[in-house]
Amino acid sequence: MDGSAPEKTQFQDIMTESVLKEIQDIIEVVEGYEV
């Protein structure tokens, strides 16, 4: 895991962040419908 592919790790972090943001947006919409 020691810097074998730093670019790949950074890319994965960016993808994870964007995915989490999308999930949070979806959760907010779903909660809005439930309330």
C-alpha atoms as a PDB file:
ATOM      1  CA  MET A   1       0.000   0.000   0.000  1.00  0.00           C
ATOM      2  CA  ASP A   2       3.041   2.252   0.277  1.00  0.00           C
ATOM      3  CA  GLY A   3       2.781   4.623  -2.687  1.00  0.00           C
ATOM      4  CA  SER A   4       2.746   1.841  -5.269  1.00  0.00           C
ATOM      5  CA  ALA A   5       0.135   3.815  -7.240  1.00  0.00           C
ATOM      6  CA  PRO A   6      -0.444   7.244  -5.695  1.00  0.00           C
ATOM      7  CA  GLU A   7      -2.345   8.470  -8.758  1.00  0.00           C
ATOM      8  CA  LYS A   8      -4.778   5.572  -8.502  1.00  0.00           C
ATOM      9  CA  THR A   9      -5.329   6.189  -4.788  1.00  0.00           C
ATOM     10  CA  GLN A  10      -5.960   9.891  -5.374  1.00  0.00           C
ATOM     11  CA  PHE A  11      -8.391   9.043  -8.169  1.00  0.00           C
ATOM     12  CA  GLN A  12     -10.206   6.587  -5.897  1.00  0.00           C
ATOM     13  CA  ASP A  13     -10.438   9.242  -3.158  1.00  0.00           C
ATOM     14  CA  ILE A  14     -11.936  11.738  -5.614  1.00  0.00           C
ATOM     15  CA  MET A  15     -14.417   9.141  -6.880  1.00  0.00           C
ATOM     16  CA  THR A  16     -15.360   8.174  -3.304  1.00  0.00           C
ATOM     17  CA  GLU A  17     -15.922  11.813  -2.334  1.00  0.00           C
ATOM     18  CA  SER A  18     -18.160  12.487  -5.349  1.00  0.00           C
ATOM     19  CA  VAL A  19     -20.100   9.264  -4.770  1.00  0.00           C
ATOM     20  CA  LEU A  20     -20.625  10.104  -1.092  1.00  0.00           C
ATOM     21  CA  LYS A  21     -21.871  13.564  -2.046  1.00  0.00           C
ATOM     22  CA  GLU A  22     -24.327  12.038  -4.519  1.00  0.00           C
ATOM     23  CA  ILE A  23     -25.534   9.548  -1.898  1.00  0.00           C
ATOM     24  CA  GLN A  24     -25.998  12.369   0.623  1.00  0.00           C
ATOM     25  CA  ASP A  25     -28.035  14.339  -1.936  1.00  0.00           C
ATOM     26  CA  ILE A  26     -30.214  11.282  -2.627  1.00  0.00           C
ATOM     27  CA  ILE A  27     -30.704  10.662   1.114  1.00  0.00           C
ATOM     28  CA  GLU A  28     -31.745  14.289   1.614  1.00  0.00           C
ATOM     29  CA  VAL A  29     -34.289  13.981  -1.223  1.00  0.00           C
ATOM     30  CA  VAL A  30     -35.633  10.685   0.131  1.00  0.00           C
ATOM     31  CA  GLU A  31     -35.914  12.088   3.654  1.00  0.00           C
ATOM     32  CA  GLY A  32     -37.697  15.125   2.221  1.00  0.00           C
ATOM     33  CA  TYR A  33     -40.270  12.844   0.595  1.00  0.00           C
ATOM     34  CA  GLU A  34     -40.712  10.765   3.752  1.00  0.00           C
ATOM     35  CA  VAL A  35     -41.323  13.772   6.007  1.00  0.00           C
END
